[in-house]
C-alpha atoms as a PDB file:
ATOM      1  CA  UNK A   1    -144.843 -36.461 160.573  1.00  0.00           C
ATOM      2  CA  UNK A   2    -147.704 -35.317 162.727  1.00  0.00           C
ATOM      3  CA  UNK A   3    -149.629 -32.181 161.855  1.00  0.00           C
ATOM      4  CA  UNK A   4    -151.387 -30.613 164.810  1.00  0.00           C
ATOM      5  CA  UNK A   5    -153.287 -27.515 165.807  1.00  0.00           C
ATOM      6  CA  UNK A   6    -152.711 -26.223 169.320  1.00  0.00           C
ATOM      7  CA  UNK A   7    -155.556 -25.199 171.573  1.00  0.00           C
ATOM      8  CA  UNK A   8    -155.991 -21.478 171.948  1.00  0.00           C
ATOM      9  CA  UNK A   9    -153.510 -19.881 174.367  1.00  0.00           C
ATOM     10  CA  UNK A  10    -151.343 -23.024 174.435  1.00  0.00           C
ATOM     11  CA  UNK A  11    -147.659 -23.097 173.587  1.00  0.00           C
ATOM     12  CA  UNK A  12    -145.728 -25.993 172.094  1.00  0.00           C
ATOM     13  CA  UNK A  13    -143.130 -27.482 174.443  1.00  0.00           C
ATOM     14  CA  UNK A  14    -140.567 -29.673 172.739  1.00  0.00           C
ATOM     15  CA  UNK A  15    -139.446 -31.163 176.045  1.00  0.00           C
ATOM     16  CA  UNK A  16    -142.863 -32.179 177.397  1.00  0.00           C
ATOM     17  CA  UNK A  17    -144.002 -33.383 173.969  1.00  0.00           C
ATOM     18  CA  UNK A  18    -140.915 -35.579 173.755  1.00  0.00           C
ATOM     19  CA  UNK A  19    -141.586 -37.036 177.216  1.00  0.00           C
ATOM     20  CA  UNK A  20    -145.223 -37.771 176.298  1.00  0.00           C
ATOM     21  CA  UNK A  21    -144.356 -39.368 172.955  1.00  0.00           C
ATOM     22  CA  UNK A  22    -141.478 -41.337 174.467  1.00  0.00           C
ATOM     23  CA  UNK A  23    -143.693 -42.660 177.274  1.00  0.00           C
ATOM     24  CA  UNK A  24    -146.795 -43.554 175.262  1.00  0.00           C
ATOM     25  CA  UNK A  25    -145.557 -44.587 171.813  1.00  0.00           C
ATOM     26  CA  UNK A  26    -143.170 -47.307 170.677  1.00  0.00           C
ATOM     27  CA  UNK A  27    -140.060 -46.098 168.849  1.00  0.00           C
ATOM     28  CA  UNK A  28    -141.403 -46.918 165.382  1.00  0.00           C
ATOM     29  CA  UNK A  29    -144.598 -44.873 165.963  1.00  0.00           C
ATOM     30  CA  UNK A  30    -143.010 -41.671 167.272  1.00  0.00           C
ATOM     31  CA  UNK A  31    -143.368 -38.792 164.821  1.00  0.00           C
ATOM     32  CA  UNK A  32    -139.968 -37.557 163.653  1.00  0.00           C
ATOM     33  CA  UNK A  33    -141.517 -34.229 162.677  1.00  0.00           C
ATOM     34  CA  UNK A  34    -144.318 -32.204 164.236  1.00  0.00           C
ATOM     35  CA  UNK A  35    -145.872 -29.447 162.169  1.00  0.00           C
ATOM     36  CA  UNK A  36    -147.901 -26.779 163.976  1.00  0.00           C
ATOM     37  CA  UNK A  37    -150.721 -25.307 161.897  1.00  0.00           C
ATOM     38  CA  UNK A  38    -153.053 -22.481 162.814  1.00  0.00           C
ATOM     39  CA  UNK A  39    -155.946 -24.286 161.100  1.00  0.00           C
ATOM     40  CA  UNK A  40    -156.373 -27.796 159.729  1.00  0.00           C
ATOM     41  CA  UNK A  41    -157.886 -27.785 156.250  1.00  0.00           C
ATOM     42  CA  UNK A  42    -160.701 -30.202 155.462  1.00  0.00           C
ATOM     43  CA  UNK A  43    -162.111 -31.533 152.215  1.00  0.00           C
ATOM     44  CA  UNK A  44    -165.774 -31.166 151.235  1.00  0.00           C
ATOM     45  CA  UNK A  45    -166.426 -34.528 152.921  1.00  0.00           C
ATOM     46  CA  UNK A  46    -164.710 -33.431 156.165  1.00  0.00           C
ATOM     47  CA  UNK A  47    -161.530 -35.434 155.688  1.00  0.00           C
ATOM     48  CA  UNK A  48    -158.112 -33.949 156.417  1.00  0.00           C
ATOM     49  CA  UNK A  49    -156.234 -32.524 153.433  1.00  0.00           C
ATOM     50  CA  UNK A  50    -153.045 -34.567 153.418  1.00  0.00           C
ATOM     51  CA  UNK A  51    -151.878 -34.432 149.800  1.00  0.00           C
ATOM     52  CA  UNK A  52    -150.525 -30.885 150.062  1.00  0.00           C
ATOM     53  CA  UNK A  53    -148.790 -31.704 153.359  1.00  0.00           C
ATOM     54  CA  UNK A  54    -147.100 -34.723 151.768  1.00  0.00           C
ATOM     55  CA  UNK A  55    -146.006 -32.678 148.744  1.00  0.00           C
ATOM     56  CA  UNK A  56    -144.462 -29.971 150.948  1.00  0.00           C
ATOM     57  CA  UNK A  57    -142.527 -32.532 152.983  1.00  0.00           C
ATOM     58  CA  UNK A  58    -140.304 -31.140 155.724  1.00  0.00           C
ATOM     59  CA  UNK A  59    -138.365 -28.423 153.906  1.00  0.00           C
ATOM     60  CA  UNK A  60    -138.397 -25.295 156.116  1.00  0.00           C
ATOM     61  CA  UNK A  61    -137.866 -23.128 153.015  1.00  0.00           C
ATOM     62  CA  UNK A  62    -141.230 -24.336 151.657  1.00  0.00           C
ATOM     63  CA  UNK A  63    -143.233 -24.672 154.868  1.00  0.00           C
ATOM     64  CA  UNK A  64    -144.402 -21.477 156.513  1.00  0.00           C
ATOM     65  CA  UNK A  65    -145.733 -23.265 159.619  1.00  0.00           C
ATOM     66  CA  UNK A  66    -143.596 -24.055 162.648  1.00  0.00           C
ATOM     67  CA  UNK A  67    -141.873 -27.391 162.195  1.00  0.00           C
ATOM     68  CA  UNK A  68    -140.130 -29.398 164.910  1.00  0.00           C
ATOM     69  CA  UNK A  69    -137.752 -32.344 164.622  1.00  0.00           C
ATOM     70  CA  UNK A  70    -137.334 -35.219 167.099  1.00  0.00           C
ATOM     71  CA  UNK A  71    -133.804 -34.962 168.488  1.00  0.00           C
ATOM     72  CA  UNK A  72    -133.094 -38.196 170.363  1.00  0.00           C
ATOM     73  CA  UNK A  73    -129.700 -36.944 171.563  1.00  0.00           C
ATOM     74  CA  UNK A  74    -131.207 -33.873 173.264  1.00  0.00           C
ATOM     75  CA  UNK A  75    -134.422 -35.703 174.297  1.00  0.00           C
ATOM     76  CA  UNK A  76    -136.737 -33.045 172.905  1.00  0.00           C
ATOM     77  CA  UNK A  77    -138.326 -31.678 169.762  1.00  0.00           C
ATOM     78  CA  UNK A  78    -136.250 -28.842 168.294  1.00  0.00           C
ATOM     79  CA  UNK A  79    -137.299 -26.337 165.667  1.00  0.00           C
ATOM     80  CA  UNK A  80    -136.269 -27.477 162.194  1.00  0.00           C
ATOM     81  CA  UNK A  81    -133.681 -25.287 160.481  1.00  0.00           C
ATOM     82  CA  UNK A  82    -132.425 -25.169 156.922  1.00  0.00           C
ATOM     83  CA  UNK A  83    -129.062 -26.569 158.098  1.00  0.00           C
ATOM     84  CA  UNK A  84    -130.779 -29.568 159.680  1.00  0.00           C
ATOM     85  CA  UNK A  85    -132.803 -30.099 156.511  1.00  0.00           C
ATOM     86  CA  UNK A  86    -129.649 -29.995 154.378  1.00  0.00           C
ATOM     87  CA  UNK A  87    -127.931 -32.508 156.695  1.00  0.00           C
ATOM     88  CA  UNK A  88    -130.833 -34.936 156.285  1.00  0.00           C
ATOM     89  CA  UNK A  89    -130.987 -34.463 152.498  1.00  0.00           C
ATOM     90  CA  UNK A  90    -127.214 -34.943 152.137  1.00  0.00           C
ATOM     91  CA  UNK A  91    -127.302 -38.083 154.329  1.00  0.00           C
ATOM     92  CA  UNK A  92    -125.047 -36.499 156.969  1.00  0.00           C
ATOM     93  CA  UNK A  93    -127.808 -36.965 159.549  1.00  0.00           C
ATOM     94  CA  UNK A  94    -129.810 -40.191 159.316  1.00  0.00           C
ATOM     95  CA  UNK A  95    -133.458 -40.434 160.309  1.00  0.00           C
END
């Protein structure tokens, strides 16, 4: 999973993000999930707060931020839904 903050007045494009990731990263390094946050929290020593992100995982019922999933069949990042989450958890859809 990659957690990013967009520049002001920028919109997330699942199609162009997929093209960029597909072009510049090998398959094993491509983020399966992209989480869009309005602000990235830092610790007192200016490190990224990752523990809470790891604990929340990729459940859209828990996460209030926008969350996108890498769909290799559609060649784009699509917004994660509860149905998609359930398919992954029930091993219907493999990552």
